[in-house]
Amino acid sequence: MTTRQILGTGCPKCRLLTERAEQAAHALGLEYTLDKVPDLQAIVAFGAMATPVLVVNDVVKVAGHVPSADALKPMLS
């Protein structure tokens, strides 16, 4: 099963990345869970220097910016 996480403290960009990731997953027809990780130590453990961060199967796919839902689709597959 694919794990998907949004790392961030809940800032507007973090919420926007969550929204766009959900839109992309829905458009692809993916069954998914999207875990939100607000813990700063957990974020740093991934090596992220800026939030928000999208992690898929323990691999950072996006950090520090919010791509469009279309740009996120290949990252979620």
N, C-alpha and C. Protein backbone atom coordinates (compact mmCIF):
# COMPACT_ATOMS: atom_id res chain seq x y z
N MET A 1 0.84 -1.18 0.00
CA MET A 1 0.00 0.00 0.00
C MET A 1 0.89 1.25 0.00
N THR A 2 0.51 2.21 -0.79
CA THR A 2 1.26 3.46 -0.89
C THR A 2 0.92 4.36 0.28
N THR A 3 1.95 4.89 0.93
CA THR A 3 1.73 5.85 2.01
C THR A 3 2.01 7.24 1.48
N ARG A 4 1.15 8.16 1.85
CA ARG A 4 1.31 9.55 1.43
C ARG A 4 1.17 10.43 2.66
N GLN A 5 2.11 11.38 2.79
CA GLN A 5 2.11 12.26 3.95
C GLN A 5 2.31 13.70 3.51
N ILE A 6 1.68 14.60 4.24
CA ILE A 6 1.94 16.03 4.11
C ILE A 6 2.63 16.44 5.40
N LEU A 7 3.85 16.94 5.28
CA LEU A 7 4.60 17.40 6.44
C LEU A 7 4.47 18.92 6.50
N GLY A 8 4.02 19.42 7.62
CA GLY A 8 3.88 20.86 7.78
C GLY A 8 3.11 21.21 9.03
N THR A 9 3.22 22.44 9.42
CA THR A 9 2.64 22.89 10.69
C THR A 9 1.19 23.32 10.59
N GLY A 10 0.62 23.26 9.39
CA GLY A 10 -0.77 23.68 9.23
C GLY A 10 -0.91 25.08 8.65
N CYS A 11 0.17 25.60 8.10
CA CYS A 11 0.14 26.94 7.50
C CYS A 11 -0.74 26.92 6.24
N PRO A 12 -1.05 28.08 5.70
CA PRO A 12 -1.88 28.13 4.48
C PRO A 12 -1.32 27.29 3.32
N LYS A 13 0.00 27.31 3.12
CA LYS A 13 0.60 26.51 2.05
C LYS A 13 0.44 25.02 2.33
N CYS A 14 0.53 24.62 3.58
CA CYS A 14 0.36 23.21 3.95
C CYS A 14 -1.07 22.77 3.65
N ARG A 15 -2.02 23.60 3.98
CA ARG A 15 -3.43 23.28 3.71
C ARG A 15 -3.68 23.23 2.21
N LEU A 16 -3.05 24.13 1.45
CA LEU A 16 -3.23 24.15 0.00
C LEU A 16 -2.63 22.89 -0.63
N LEU A 17 -1.46 22.47 -0.17
CA LEU A 17 -0.86 21.25 -0.70
C LEU A 17 -1.74 20.05 -0.39
N THR A 18 -2.31 20.00 0.79
CA THR A 18 -3.22 18.92 1.16
C THR A 18 -4.42 18.90 0.22
N GLU A 19 -5.00 20.06 0.00
CA GLU A 19 -6.17 20.18 -0.88
C GLU A 19 -5.84 19.73 -2.30
N ARG A 20 -4.72 20.17 -2.82
CA ARG A 20 -4.35 19.81 -4.19
C ARG A 20 -3.98 18.33 -4.31
N ALA A 21 -3.34 17.78 -3.30
CA ALA A 21 -3.02 16.35 -3.33
C ALA A 21 -4.30 15.52 -3.31
N GLU A 22 -5.28 15.95 -2.52
CA GLU A 22 -6.56 15.25 -2.48
C GLU A 22 -7.27 15.37 -3.83
N GLN A 23 -7.21 16.54 -4.46
CA GLN A 23 -7.82 16.71 -5.79
C GLN A 23 -7.16 15.78 -6.81
N ALA A 24 -5.84 15.72 -6.77
CA ALA A 24 -5.10 14.87 -7.72
C ALA A 24 -5.42 13.40 -7.50
N ALA A 25 -5.45 12.97 -6.26
CA ALA A 25 -5.75 11.57 -5.95
C ALA A 25 -7.17 11.22 -6.39
N HIS A 26 -8.11 12.12 -6.14
CA HIS A 26 -9.50 11.90 -6.54
C HIS A 26 -9.60 11.81 -8.06
N ALA A 27 -8.92 12.70 -8.78
CA ALA A 27 -8.95 12.70 -10.24
C ALA A 27 -8.37 11.40 -10.81
N LEU A 28 -7.40 10.83 -10.11
CA LEU A 28 -6.78 9.57 -10.56
C LEU A 28 -7.58 8.35 -10.12
N GLY A 29 -8.57 8.57 -9.26
CA GLY A 29 -9.36 7.45 -8.74
C GLY A 29 -8.59 6.59 -7.76
N LEU A 30 -7.62 7.18 -7.08
CA LEU A 30 -6.81 6.43 -6.11
C LEU A 30 -7.53 6.27 -4.79
N GLU A 31 -7.42 5.07 -4.22
CA GLU A 31 -7.79 4.91 -2.83
C GLU A 31 -6.54 5.29 -2.05
N TYR A 32 -6.70 6.16 -1.09
CA TYR A 32 -5.52 6.65 -0.43
C TYR A 32 -5.85 7.13 0.98
N THR A 33 -4.82 7.23 1.75
CA THR A 33 -4.89 7.97 3.01
C THR A 33 -3.79 9.01 2.92
N LEU A 34 -4.09 10.15 3.43
CA LEU A 34 -3.13 11.25 3.41
C LEU A 34 -2.92 11.66 4.85
N ASP A 35 -1.78 11.26 5.40
CA ASP A 35 -1.48 11.55 6.79
C ASP A 35 -0.83 12.92 6.90
N LYS A 36 -1.29 13.70 7.85
CA LYS A 36 -0.70 15.01 8.12
C LYS A 36 0.27 14.87 9.29
N VAL A 37 1.47 15.39 9.10
CA VAL A 37 2.53 15.29 10.11
C VAL A 37 2.97 16.69 10.49
N PRO A 38 2.48 17.22 11.62
CA PRO A 38 2.85 18.58 12.02
C PRO A 38 4.10 18.65 12.91
N ASP A 39 4.60 17.51 13.36
CA ASP A 39 5.72 17.46 14.31
C ASP A 39 7.02 17.91 13.64
N LEU A 40 7.63 18.97 14.17
CA LEU A 40 8.85 19.53 13.57
C LEU A 40 10.00 18.53 13.55
N GLN A 41 10.14 17.72 14.59
CA GLN A 41 11.22 16.74 14.61
C GLN A 41 11.03 15.70 13.51
N ALA A 42 9.80 15.30 13.26
CA ALA A 42 9.52 14.35 12.18
C ALA A 42 9.82 14.97 10.82
N ILE A 43 9.49 16.25 10.67
CA ILE A 43 9.75 16.96 9.42
C ILE A 43 11.26 17.02 9.16
N VAL A 44 12.01 17.39 10.18
CA VAL A 44 13.47 17.48 10.06
C VAL A 44 14.08 16.10 9.78
N ALA A 45 13.48 15.06 10.32
CA ALA A 45 13.99 13.70 10.10
C ALA A 45 13.94 13.31 8.63
N PHE A 46 13.04 13.90 7.87
CA PHE A 46 12.98 13.65 6.43
C PHE A 46 13.99 14.50 5.66
N GLY A 47 14.70 15.38 6.35
CA GLY A 47 15.69 16.23 5.71
C GLY A 47 15.09 17.46 5.05
N ALA A 48 13.84 17.73 5.35
CA ALA A 48 13.16 18.86 4.74
C ALA A 48 13.61 20.16 5.40
N MET A 49 13.95 21.13 4.58
CA MET A 49 14.37 22.42 5.10
C MET A 49 13.28 23.47 4.98
N ALA A 50 12.22 23.15 4.21
CA ALA A 50 11.10 24.07 4.04
C ALA A 50 9.82 23.26 3.92
N THR A 51 8.75 23.82 4.42
CA THR A 51 7.45 23.17 4.31
C THR A 51 6.59 23.97 3.33
N PRO A 52 5.58 23.38 2.78
CA PRO A 52 5.07 22.04 3.02
C PRO A 52 5.88 21.00 2.26
N VAL A 53 5.71 19.75 2.68
CA VAL A 53 6.43 18.63 2.07
C VAL A 53 5.43 17.53 1.75
N LEU A 54 5.53 16.98 0.56
CA LEU A 54 4.76 15.80 0.19
C LEU A 54 5.71 14.62 0.17
N VAL A 55 5.35 13.59 0.93
CA VAL A 55 6.16 12.38 1.00
C VAL A 55 5.30 11.22 0.50
N VAL A 56 5.86 10.44 -0.42
CA VAL A 56 5.18 9.24 -0.94
C VAL A 56 6.12 8.06 -0.74
N ASN A 57 5.65 7.08 0.02
CA ASN A 57 6.46 5.89 0.33
C ASN A 57 7.84 6.27 0.87
N ASP A 58 7.86 7.20 1.81
CA ASP A 58 9.07 7.65 2.50
C ASP A 58 10.06 8.40 1.60
N VAL A 59 9.61 8.88 0.45
CA VAL A 59 10.44 9.65 -0.46
C VAL A 59 9.84 11.05 -0.60
N VAL A 60 10.65 12.07 -0.34
CA VAL A 60 10.18 13.45 -0.49
C VAL A 60 9.99 13.74 -1.97
N LYS A 61 8.76 14.13 -2.33
CA LYS A 61 8.43 14.44 -3.73
C LYS A 61 8.38 15.94 -3.97
N VAL A 62 7.95 16.70 -2.97
CA VAL A 62 7.82 18.16 -3.08
C VAL A 62 8.22 18.76 -1.75
N ALA A 63 8.97 19.84 -1.78
CA ALA A 63 9.32 20.54 -0.54
C ALA A 63 9.41 22.03 -0.80
N GLY A 64 8.71 22.79 0.02
CA GLY A 64 8.84 24.24 0.00
C GLY A 64 7.96 24.98 -0.98
N HIS A 65 7.19 24.26 -1.79
CA HIS A 65 6.28 24.93 -2.71
C HIS A 65 5.05 24.06 -2.93
N VAL A 66 4.05 24.63 -3.61
CA VAL A 66 2.79 23.93 -3.83
C VAL A 66 2.53 23.83 -5.33
N PRO A 67 2.79 22.66 -5.91
CA PRO A 67 2.49 22.47 -7.33
C PRO A 67 0.98 22.38 -7.58
N SER A 68 0.60 22.48 -8.83
CA SER A 68 -0.81 22.31 -9.19
C SER A 68 -1.22 20.86 -8.97
N ALA A 69 -2.53 20.63 -8.93
CA ALA A 69 -3.05 19.27 -8.78
C ALA A 69 -2.58 18.40 -9.95
N ASP A 70 -2.56 18.97 -11.15
CA ASP A 70 -2.10 18.20 -12.31
C ASP A 70 -0.63 17.80 -12.19
N ALA A 71 0.19 18.68 -11.68
CA ALA A 71 1.60 18.37 -11.49
C ALA A 71 1.81 17.31 -10.41
N LEU A 72 0.89 17.23 -9.46
CA LEU A 72 1.01 16.24 -8.39
C LEU A 72 0.60 14.84 -8.81
N LYS A 73 -0.20 14.72 -9.84
CA LYS A 73 -0.72 13.40 -10.24
C LYS A 73 0.37 12.35 -10.44
N PRO A 74 1.43 12.61 -11.23
CA PRO A 74 2.44 11.57 -11.39
C PRO A 74 3.19 11.24 -10.11
N MET A 75 3.25 12.18 -9.19
CA MET A 75 3.94 11.96 -7.93
C MET A 75 3.15 11.04 -7.00
N LEU A 76 1.84 11.03 -7.15
CA LEU A 76 0.97 10.23 -6.27
C LEU A 76 0.77 8.81 -6.77
N SER A 77 1.02 8.59 -8.06
CA SER A 77 0.77 7.26 -8.65
C SER A 77 1.76 6.24 -8.16
